[in-house]
Amino acid sequence: MMRLGALLLLLPAAAAAHQTSVSYSELSVRGREVDGVLRFSLADLRTQLQIEDPRHPPLPALQRLLLESFVLKASGRPCALQPAASAALEGEDGLSLRARWLCDEPVEELSVRVGFLDSFPIGHAHLSRIDFGKGEVSQRAAQVEEPYFEAQRSRSVAQEFGRFLRLGVEHIFTGYDHIAFLIGLLLLGGSVRELVKIVTAFTLAHSATLALAALDVFAPSPRIVEPLIAASIVFIGVENLWALRTSHAAAAVRHRWMVTLAFGLVHGFGFASVLRELQLPRAVLATGLVSFNLGVECGQLVIVLAALPLLNRLRGWRAFAPAASLCVAALGAFWLVQRLL
């Protein structure tokens, strides 16, 4: 049990001065599997259950008390405790439990809840060593006031950048409300310079609010943001119909950058919901924020470049722009009602 004694340095100095009750775990991550060894003193265990002969420990009772409350999650998803756990006497005054967990996918980020801390003696601490292989080892501590700890496999800056870049691209491609908004912006046509202005204003605005929300500076509730995104789509569709009906399409396009600047602020909060759900550690937040935003921009650019030639061709049909604008407005209205209910 002394192999993990150095982990005591992880505890606050004041607590360490009074610490009399400590348990340990060693977790080895290999692909989807996590092998674990948990070590306890017999004195601590005997405060929780009867152990008559330590050479033949009561495995079912130990499993209920210790392993079932030692909950592992990989990237937010629970890992399943596998059967065939074992218990054995270790030294003269210790007992070890060996167990294995199977996760849904290869483990990159591991979070652990040490549930048995609630029932152990006051001041009990749990110290853990997490081995991801290839020399990547993390050390963590948990106490009853903070029974959770997290560890993750270290990645290079390039790997983190690529990961969030892909996430940004995937988010814009699967964000049908954002796509509808972009298509609505293109329906009135305009020069390349005007379209660049419109898209740039949208980009600058949503980049600002994406940063504010991801950094927890200001983050409105999704119950407010999501209906506002739907309302922005309704607005664009209705403005298109008004401009086409009154022959003010050219004037609407010239001033549309102001509209996209305003609505871009709202859409940025929508983009940020993805990063906030990931609960990124501060160490990777800056990289994630920049590369995710770049991924969103790349996705937007692909959508605009793919849609623009087709829309320019279809605009030759006089009824197309009004019909498409009506569809955009109707979609936005449907999403608005759905998100308000």
Protein backbone atom coordinates (compact mmCIF):
# COMPACT_ATOMS: atom_id res chain seq x y z
CA MET A 1 0.00 0.00 0.00
CA MET A 2 2.99 2.28 0.24
CA ARG A 3 3.47 2.44 -3.55
CA LEU A 4 0.98 5.28 -3.80
CA GLY A 5 2.08 7.09 -0.67
CA ALA A 6 3.55 9.90 -2.72
CA LEU A 7 0.01 10.83 -3.77
CA LEU A 8 -0.54 12.28 -0.31
CA LEU A 9 1.18 15.36 -1.66
CA LEU A 10 -1.98 16.00 -3.67
CA LEU A 11 -3.97 16.71 -0.53
CA PRO A 12 -4.13 20.17 1.02
CA ALA A 13 -1.49 20.55 3.70
CA ALA A 14 -4.00 21.16 6.45
CA ALA A 15 -5.94 18.02 5.63
CA ALA A 16 -2.81 15.92 5.29
CA ALA A 17 -1.76 16.89 8.80
CA HIS A 18 -4.88 15.19 10.21
CA GLN A 19 -5.33 12.39 7.65
CA THR A 20 -5.68 8.96 9.28
CA SER A 21 -7.86 7.13 6.77
CA VAL A 22 -6.81 6.65 3.15
CA SER A 23 -7.71 4.32 0.30
CA TYR A 24 -6.04 3.97 -3.09
CA SER A 25 -6.81 2.99 -6.64
CA GLU A 26 -4.70 2.27 -9.70
CA LEU A 27 -6.57 2.50 -13.00
CA SER A 28 -5.01 1.30 -16.26
CA VAL A 29 -6.71 2.48 -19.44
CA ARG A 30 -6.27 0.31 -22.51
CA GLY A 31 -8.58 1.12 -25.40
CA ARG A 32 -12.18 0.63 -24.23
CA GLU A 33 -11.13 -1.25 -21.09
CA VAL A 34 -10.15 0.07 -17.66
CA ASP A 35 -8.47 -2.35 -15.27
CA GLY A 36 -8.53 -1.27 -11.65
CA VAL A 37 -7.01 -2.24 -8.34
CA LEU A 38 -8.56 -0.64 -5.23
CA ARG A 39 -6.73 -0.93 -1.91
CA PHE A 40 -8.18 -0.42 1.58
CA SER A 41 -7.07 -0.93 5.13
CA LEU A 42 -8.93 -3.65 7.01
CA ALA A 43 -9.58 -1.21 9.85
CA ASP A 44 -11.55 1.09 7.51
CA LEU A 45 -13.47 -1.79 5.95
CA ARG A 46 -14.45 -3.19 9.35
CA THR A 47 -16.27 0.07 10.11
CA GLN A 48 -18.58 -0.79 7.19
CA LEU A 49 -19.05 -4.58 7.28
CA GLN A 50 -18.04 -7.70 9.13
CA ILE A 51 -14.87 -9.43 7.95
CA GLU A 52 -14.26 -12.55 10.02
CA ASP A 53 -11.43 -14.08 7.99
CA PRO A 54 -9.48 -11.63 5.78
CA ARG A 55 -8.05 -14.57 3.84
CA HIS A 56 -11.59 -15.24 2.56
CA PRO A 57 -13.13 -11.76 2.20
CA PRO A 58 -16.91 -11.44 1.58
CA LEU A 59 -16.70 -10.50 -2.12
CA PRO A 60 -20.43 -9.83 -2.82
CA ALA A 61 -20.67 -7.42 0.12
CA LEU A 62 -17.40 -5.71 -0.84
CA GLN A 63 -18.57 -5.36 -4.43
CA ARG A 64 -21.86 -3.74 -3.35
CA LEU A 65 -20.13 -1.38 -0.94
CA LEU A 66 -17.06 -0.41 -2.96
CA LEU A 67 -17.17 -1.30 -6.64
CA GLU A 68 -20.79 -0.45 -7.45
CA SER A 69 -20.32 3.02 -5.96
CA PHE A 70 -17.01 3.55 -7.77
CA VAL A 71 -18.56 4.91 -10.98
CA LEU A 72 -16.47 5.43 -14.12
CA LYS A 73 -17.51 7.48 -17.13
CA ALA A 74 -15.65 7.93 -20.41
CA SER A 75 -16.48 11.16 -22.28
CA GLY A 76 -19.66 11.44 -20.19
CA ARG A 77 -20.91 7.89 -20.83
CA PRO A 78 -20.97 5.28 -18.02
CA CYS A 79 -18.53 2.38 -18.23
CA ALA A 80 -19.96 -1.03 -17.32
CA LEU A 81 -18.49 -2.88 -14.36
CA GLN A 82 -17.65 -6.38 -15.58
CA PRO A 83 -18.27 -9.61 -13.63
CA ALA A 84 -15.47 -11.67 -12.15
CA ALA A 85 -14.11 -9.08 -9.73
CA SER A 86 -11.80 -10.50 -7.07
CA ALA A 87 -10.66 -9.63 -3.56
CA ALA A 88 -7.50 -10.66 -1.74
CA LEU A 89 -5.61 -10.00 1.48
CA GLU A 90 -2.68 -7.66 0.94
CA GLY A 91 -0.01 -7.52 3.59
CA GLU A 92 -1.06 -7.85 7.21
CA ASP A 93 -3.61 -5.04 7.36
CA GLY A 94 -4.80 -4.43 3.80
CA LEU A 95 -7.24 -5.77 1.28
CA SER A 96 -7.29 -5.25 -2.48
CA LEU A 97 -10.11 -5.49 -5.00
CA ARG A 98 -9.48 -6.09 -8.68
CA ALA A 99 -12.11 -5.13 -11.24
CA ARG A 100 -12.55 -4.29 -14.89
CA TRP A 101 -14.81 -1.76 -16.62
CA LEU A 102 -15.81 -1.71 -20.29
CA CYS A 103 -16.60 1.64 -21.94
CA ASP A 104 -18.55 2.38 -25.13
CA GLU A 105 -15.52 3.70 -27.01
CA PRO A 106 -11.75 4.05 -26.54
CA VAL A 107 -11.15 6.11 -23.42
CA GLU A 108 -9.73 9.59 -23.96
CA GLU A 109 -11.31 11.32 -20.94
CA LEU A 110 -12.14 9.50 -17.71
CA SER A 111 -14.25 10.80 -14.83
CA VAL A 112 -14.70 8.91 -11.56
CA ARG A 113 -17.19 9.27 -8.73
CA VAL A 114 -15.92 7.74 -5.47
CA GLY A 115 -19.32 7.01 -3.94
CA PHE A 116 -18.14 5.05 -0.90
CA LEU A 117 -16.59 8.22 0.58
CA ASP A 118 -20.02 9.07 2.02
CA SER A 119 -19.95 6.08 4.37
CA PHE A 120 -16.28 5.92 5.33
CA PRO A 121 -14.84 7.57 8.45
CA ILE A 122 -14.79 11.38 8.56
CA GLY A 123 -11.71 12.74 6.83
CA HIS A 124 -11.21 9.69 4.64
CA ALA A 125 -9.38 10.45 1.38
CA HIS A 126 -9.08 8.43 -1.80
CA LEU A 127 -5.92 8.72 -3.91
CA SER A 128 -5.82 7.48 -7.48
CA ARG A 129 -3.23 6.85 -10.16
CA ILE A 130 -4.55 6.75 -13.74
CA ASP A 131 -2.29 5.20 -16.37
CA PHE A 132 -3.19 5.88 -20.02
CA GLY A 133 -0.11 4.04 -21.29
CA LYS A 134 3.02 5.31 -23.08
CA GLY A 135 4.14 7.13 -19.95
CA GLU A 136 0.93 9.19 -19.64
CA VAL A 137 0.11 9.01 -15.92
CA SER A 138 -2.21 11.28 -13.91
CA GLN A 139 -2.62 11.43 -10.13
CA ARG A 140 -5.83 12.57 -8.47
CA ALA A 141 -7.36 12.86 -4.99
CA ALA A 142 -10.98 12.79 -3.79
CA GLN A 143 -12.63 13.50 -0.44
CA VAL A 144 -16.22 13.51 0.72
CA GLU A 145 -16.55 17.24 -0.09
CA GLU A 146 -15.33 16.58 -3.66
CA PRO A 147 -15.98 12.93 -4.49
CA TYR A 148 -15.27 13.37 -8.21
CA PHE A 149 -12.07 13.52 -10.20
CA GLU A 150 -11.23 13.63 -13.89
CA ALA A 151 -8.23 12.73 -16.02
CA GLN A 152 -7.63 12.73 -19.74
CA ARG A 153 -5.15 11.43 -22.22
CA SER A 154 -2.76 14.18 -23.23
CA ARG A 155 -2.98 15.33 -26.83
CA SER A 156 -0.77 17.51 -28.96
CA VAL A 157 -1.96 20.98 -29.90
CA ALA A 158 -2.37 19.78 -33.49
CA GLN A 159 -4.60 16.87 -32.40
CA GLU A 160 -6.79 19.15 -30.27
CA PHE A 161 -7.02 21.67 -33.08
CA GLY A 162 -8.08 19.03 -35.59
CA ARG A 163 -10.61 17.52 -33.21
CA PHE A 164 -12.49 20.78 -32.63
CA LEU A 165 -12.15 21.85 -36.27
CA ARG A 166 -14.07 18.72 -37.29
CA LEU A 167 -16.61 19.32 -34.53
CA GLY A 168 -17.27 22.84 -35.85
CA VAL A 169 -17.73 21.60 -39.42
CA GLU A 170 -20.06 18.80 -38.26
CA HIS A 171 -22.08 21.23 -36.17
CA ILE A 172 -22.80 23.64 -39.04
CA PHE A 173 -23.62 20.77 -41.44
CA THR A 174 -26.12 19.27 -38.98
CA GLY A 175 -27.46 22.64 -37.77
CA TYR A 176 -30.40 22.87 -40.16
CA ASP A 177 -31.62 26.13 -38.64
CA HIS A 178 -28.25 27.80 -39.29
CA ILE A 179 -28.25 26.45 -42.87
CA ALA A 180 -31.78 27.79 -43.45
CA PHE A 181 -30.64 31.20 -42.19
CA LEU A 182 -27.65 31.20 -44.58
CA ILE A 183 -29.75 30.14 -47.57
CA GLY A 184 -32.29 32.83 -46.75
CA LEU A 185 -29.52 35.44 -46.83
CA LEU A 186 -28.53 34.40 -50.37
CA LEU A 187 -31.98 34.35 -51.95
CA LEU A 188 -32.02 38.05 -52.92
CA GLY A 189 -28.70 37.77 -54.74
CA GLY A 190 -26.23 40.67 -54.69
CA SER A 191 -22.69 41.38 -55.77
CA VAL A 192 -19.72 39.40 -54.45
CA ARG A 193 -18.70 42.43 -52.37
CA GLU A 194 -22.16 42.69 -50.79
CA LEU A 195 -22.31 38.98 -50.01
CA VAL A 196 -18.82 39.07 -48.47
CA LYS A 197 -19.97 41.95 -46.26
CA ILE A 198 -23.05 40.05 -45.18
CA VAL A 199 -21.19 36.84 -44.33
CA THR A 200 -18.30 38.71 -42.64
CA ALA A 201 -20.70 40.63 -40.38
CA PHE A 202 -22.37 37.36 -39.40
CA THR A 203 -18.97 35.76 -38.74
CA LEU A 204 -17.67 38.60 -36.56
CA ALA A 205 -20.86 38.72 -34.51
CA HIS A 206 -21.20 35.02 -33.82
CA SER A 207 -17.46 34.70 -33.10
CA ALA A 208 -17.78 37.33 -30.35
CA THR A 209 -20.75 35.72 -28.60
CA LEU A 210 -19.32 32.22 -29.09
CA ALA A 211 -16.27 33.33 -27.11
CA LEU A 212 -18.34 35.06 -24.41
CA ALA A 213 -20.52 32.00 -23.86
CA ALA A 214 -17.77 29.37 -24.08
CA LEU A 215 -15.69 31.31 -21.53
CA ASP A 216 -18.72 31.65 -19.19
CA VAL A 217 -18.62 35.44 -19.38
CA PHE A 218 -22.22 35.70 -20.59
CA ALA A 219 -24.37 32.76 -21.62
CA PRO A 220 -28.15 33.18 -21.96
CA SER A 221 -30.36 30.15 -21.47
CA PRO A 222 -31.01 27.95 -24.56
CA ARG A 223 -34.71 28.50 -23.82
CA ILE A 224 -34.14 32.11 -24.92
CA VAL A 225 -31.47 31.59 -27.58
CA GLU A 226 -33.10 28.76 -29.58
CA PRO A 227 -36.44 30.58 -30.17
CA LEU A 228 -34.51 33.73 -31.13
CA ILE A 229 -32.56 31.74 -33.76
CA ALA A 230 -35.86 30.50 -35.17
CA ALA A 231 -37.22 34.08 -35.11
CA SER A 232 -34.18 35.29 -37.09
CA ILE A 233 -35.03 32.78 -39.83
CA VAL A 234 -38.63 33.99 -39.92
CA PHE A 235 -37.39 37.59 -40.17
CA ILE A 236 -35.08 36.84 -43.12
CA GLY A 237 -37.82 34.98 -45.00
CA VAL A 238 -40.39 37.73 -44.41
CA GLU A 239 -37.90 40.49 -45.29
CA ASN A 240 -37.14 38.69 -48.55
CA LEU A 241 -40.86 38.53 -49.40
CA TRP A 242 -41.33 42.22 -48.58
CA ALA A 243 -38.28 43.28 -50.61
CA LEU A 244 -39.36 41.22 -53.63
CA ARG A 245 -42.95 42.47 -53.47
CA THR A 246 -41.95 46.14 -53.22
CA SER A 247 -38.99 45.88 -55.63
CA HIS A 248 -36.56 46.85 -52.87
CA ALA A 249 -34.35 43.75 -53.14
CA ALA A 250 -31.22 45.71 -54.04
CA ALA A 251 -31.68 48.11 -51.11
CA ALA A 252 -32.32 45.21 -48.71
CA VAL A 253 -29.12 43.47 -49.81
CA ARG A 254 -27.08 46.67 -49.32
CA HIS A 255 -28.22 46.99 -45.69
CA ARG A 256 -28.43 43.30 -44.88
CA TRP A 257 -25.01 43.23 -43.21
CA MET A 258 -26.56 45.14 -40.29
CA VAL A 259 -29.24 42.48 -39.94
CA THR A 260 -26.69 39.65 -40.00
CA LEU A 261 -24.52 41.50 -37.49
CA ALA A 262 -27.44 41.60 -35.04
CA PHE A 263 -28.63 38.04 -35.62
CA GLY A 264 -25.07 36.71 -35.69
CA LEU A 265 -24.82 37.59 -32.01
CA VAL A 266 -27.76 35.27 -31.31
CA HIS A 267 -26.45 32.43 -33.49
CA GLY A 268 -23.09 32.59 -31.69
CA PHE A 269 -24.78 31.65 -28.43
CA GLY A 270 -26.33 28.69 -30.26
CA PHE A 271 -22.92 27.53 -31.53
CA ALA A 272 -21.50 27.87 -28.01
CA SER A 273 -23.97 25.34 -26.59
CA VAL A 274 -21.90 22.55 -28.15
CA LEU A 275 -18.67 23.63 -26.45
CA ARG A 276 -20.43 24.24 -23.13
CA GLU A 277 -21.92 20.73 -23.15
CA LEU A 278 -18.40 19.32 -23.50
CA GLN A 279 -17.34 21.04 -20.24
CA LEU A 280 -13.83 21.54 -21.57
CA PRO A 281 -10.93 21.89 -19.15
CA ARG A 282 -9.40 25.38 -19.19
CA ALA A 283 -6.19 23.93 -20.62
CA VAL A 284 -7.85 23.10 -23.96
CA LEU A 285 -10.61 25.72 -24.02
CA ALA A 286 -8.65 28.34 -25.99
CA THR A 287 -7.55 25.83 -28.64
CA GLY A 288 -11.05 24.37 -28.81
CA LEU A 289 -12.68 27.79 -29.14
CA VAL A 290 -10.47 28.95 -32.01
CA SER A 291 -10.53 25.70 -33.98
CA PHE A 292 -14.26 25.09 -33.42
CA ASN A 293 -15.05 28.58 -34.70
CA LEU A 294 -12.77 28.03 -37.70
CA GLY A 295 -14.61 24.78 -38.38
CA VAL A 296 -17.94 26.62 -38.33
CA GLU A 297 -16.55 29.16 -40.82
CA CYS A 298 -15.21 26.43 -43.12
CA GLY A 299 -18.61 24.74 -43.04
CA GLN A 300 -20.39 28.02 -43.80
CA LEU A 301 -18.03 28.72 -46.69
CA VAL A 302 -18.66 25.30 -48.23
CA ILE A 303 -22.44 25.82 -47.94
CA VAL A 304 -22.29 29.29 -49.51
CA LEU A 305 -19.98 28.21 -52.36
CA ALA A 306 -22.13 25.15 -53.10
CA ALA A 307 -25.48 26.96 -52.90
CA LEU A 308 -24.66 30.23 -54.66
CA PRO A 309 -24.25 28.95 -58.26
CA LEU A 310 -27.44 26.89 -57.96
CA LEU A 311 -29.41 29.80 -56.49
CA ASN A 312 -28.15 32.17 -59.19
CA ARG A 313 -29.40 29.75 -61.84
CA LEU A 314 -32.77 29.19 -60.14
CA ARG A 315 -33.35 32.93 -59.67
CA GLY A 316 -33.94 33.05 -63.42
CA TRP A 317 -37.30 31.47 -62.63
CA ARG A 318 -39.34 34.45 -61.41
CA ALA A 319 -41.35 32.52 -58.83
CA PHE A 320 -38.34 30.82 -57.25
CA ALA A 321 -37.11 33.53 -54.84
CA PRO A 322 -40.61 34.25 -53.38
CA ALA A 323 -41.40 30.53 -53.06
CA ALA A 324 -38.03 29.73 -51.43
CA SER A 325 -38.36 32.73 -49.08
CA LEU A 326 -41.82 31.56 -48.08
CA CYS A 327 -40.40 28.10 -47.31
CA VAL A 328 -37.61 29.66 -45.20
CA ALA A 329 -40.13 31.76 -43.24
CA ALA A 330 -42.42 28.74 -42.74
CA LEU A 331 -39.52 26.60 -41.48
CA GLY A 332 -38.51 29.34 -39.04
CA ALA A 333 -42.11 29.68 -37.82
CA PHE A 334 -42.35 25.92 -37.29
CA TRP A 335 -39.12 25.87 -35.25
CA LEU A 336 -40.23 28.95 -33.30
CA VAL A 337 -43.51 27.36 -32.23
CA GLN A 338 -41.76 24.06 -31.48
CA ARG A 339 -39.16 25.77 -29.27
CA LEU A 340 -41.67 27.91 -27.40
CA LEU A 341 -43.85 24.96 -26.43
